[in-house]
Protein backbone atom coordinates (compact mmCIF):
# COMPACT_ATOMS: atom_id res chain seq x y z
CA MET A 1 -8.35 24.41 -27.48
CA ARG A 2 -6.15 22.74 -25.73
CA ALA A 3 -8.41 20.92 -23.96
CA LEU A 4 -10.11 19.95 -27.08
CA PHE A 5 -6.67 18.25 -27.97
CA GLN A 6 -5.93 16.34 -25.17
CA LEU A 7 -10.13 14.95 -25.30
CA LEU A 8 -9.52 13.73 -28.43
CA GLY A 9 -5.58 11.84 -27.25
CA ALA A 10 -7.36 10.45 -24.74
CA VAL A 11 -10.06 8.67 -27.01
CA THR A 12 -7.58 7.91 -29.70
CA ALA A 13 -5.02 6.28 -27.10
CA VAL A 14 -8.27 4.07 -25.99
CA ALA A 15 -9.30 3.33 -29.22
CA ALA A 16 -5.64 1.90 -30.03
CA ALA A 17 -5.88 -0.09 -26.92
CA GLY A 18 -9.16 -1.57 -28.23
CA LEU A 19 -7.66 -2.03 -31.31
CA GLY A 20 -4.51 -3.75 -29.70
CA VAL A 21 -6.87 -6.17 -27.87
CA ALA A 22 -9.32 -7.09 -30.88
CA VAL A 23 -6.33 -8.13 -33.06
CA LEU A 24 -4.39 -10.23 -30.30
CA ALA A 25 -8.07 -11.97 -29.45
CA LYS A 26 -7.88 -12.42 -33.33
CA LYS A 27 -4.69 -13.79 -33.65
CA LEU A 28 -4.66 -16.09 -30.44
CA GLY A 29 -8.21 -17.07 -31.05
CA LYS A 30 -11.13 -17.35 -28.68
CA GLU A 31 -8.40 -18.69 -26.08
CA PHE A 32 -6.14 -16.29 -24.03
CA PRO A 33 -2.77 -18.02 -22.76
CA VAL A 34 -3.30 -17.16 -19.61
CA LYS A 35 -6.18 -18.70 -17.54
CA VAL A 36 -7.32 -17.58 -14.06
CA THR A 37 -8.78 -20.01 -11.70
CA VAL A 38 -10.69 -18.51 -8.27
CA ASN A 39 -11.38 -20.41 -5.35
CA VAL A 40 -14.85 -18.90 -4.39
CA ALA A 41 -15.87 -19.08 -0.63
CA GLU A 42 -18.59 -21.23 -1.44
CA ASP A 43 -16.74 -23.81 -2.90
CA ALA A 44 -14.72 -23.91 0.57
CA GLU A 45 -17.88 -23.90 2.53
CA GLN A 46 -19.04 -27.46 0.78
CA ASP A 47 -16.36 -29.64 2.83
CA LYS A 48 -16.22 -29.42 6.59
CA GLU A 49 -12.47 -29.86 6.52
CA THR A 50 -11.95 -26.87 3.66
CA ALA A 51 -13.45 -24.78 5.65
CA ASP A 52 -11.86 -25.32 8.90
CA LYS A 53 -8.33 -24.54 7.09
CA THR A 54 -10.17 -21.64 5.51
CA ALA A 55 -11.31 -20.07 8.73
CA ALA A 56 -7.58 -21.03 10.50
CA ALA A 57 -5.85 -19.16 8.10
CA TYR A 58 -8.75 -15.90 7.53
CA GLU A 59 -8.06 -15.85 11.43
CA ALA A 60 -4.15 -16.36 11.28
CA GLY A 61 -4.44 -13.00 8.51
CA VAL A 62 -6.54 -11.48 11.08
CA ALA A 63 -3.92 -11.77 13.86
CA ALA A 64 -0.83 -11.00 11.55
CA GLY A 65 -2.65 -7.79 10.50
CA LYS A 66 -3.24 -6.84 14.08
CA ALA A 67 0.18 -7.53 15.27
CA HIS A 68 1.36 -5.49 12.38
CA ALA A 69 -0.64 -2.56 12.59
CA GLU A 70 0.50 -2.56 16.62
CA ALA A 71 4.31 -2.80 15.45
CA MET A 72 3.59 0.11 13.21
CA GLU A 73 2.00 2.24 15.82
CA LYS A 74 4.72 1.04 18.80
CA ALA A 75 7.74 2.46 16.28
CA ALA A 76 5.67 5.58 15.38
CA GLU A 77 5.40 5.99 19.07
CA ALA A 78 9.29 5.72 19.43
CA GLU A 79 9.99 7.73 16.42
CA ALA A 80 8.22 10.59 17.86
CA ALA A 81 9.26 10.29 21.50
CA ASP A 82 13.38 10.31 19.66
CA ALA A 83 11.85 12.95 17.68
CA ALA A 84 10.59 15.11 21.20
CA GLU A 85 13.98 14.19 22.76
CA ALA A 86 16.11 15.35 20.07
CA GLU A 87 14.04 18.24 19.68
CA ALA A 88 14.34 19.20 24.11
CA GLU A 89 18.38 18.48 23.46
CA ALA A 90 18.06 20.86 20.79
CA GLU A 91 16.83 23.56 22.58
CA ASP A 92 18.68 23.13 25.67
CA ALA A 93 21.87 23.19 23.81
CA PRO A 94 21.76 26.68 22.24
CA ALA A 95 20.56 27.95 26.03
CA ALA A 96 23.19 26.60 27.49
CA GLY A 97 25.68 28.00 25.13
CA GLU A 98 23.99 31.30 25.33
CA ALA A 99 24.26 31.42 29.24
CA GLY A 100 27.49 30.92 28.53
CA GLU A 101 28.42 33.89 26.54
CA GLU A 102 26.63 35.62 29.28
CA GLU A 103 29.18 34.85 31.79
CA ASP A 104 32.03 36.02 29.74
CA LYS A 105 30.78 39.38 29.21
């Protein structure tokens, strides 16, 4: 029964959202205030200069992505090394403390 009410609630929410969009579309008319323009790759390839700029930007982005990935990998390795060093120190410290207690006996 609970699942049925959850399903009905989800259907009602979707219907309400659709109704809201329909009302806004009717109030605003056919044209929404936000216009999106997209530069398609085919447009860039029509002009040699633009195609060169696009290729250079793409390669710069790829290089930046690789540099970032390498930096993140080095940082992770350094963090792992620091954690291992701290763990080794933590293991050595109690062992030294226990040896001192044994000498006192």
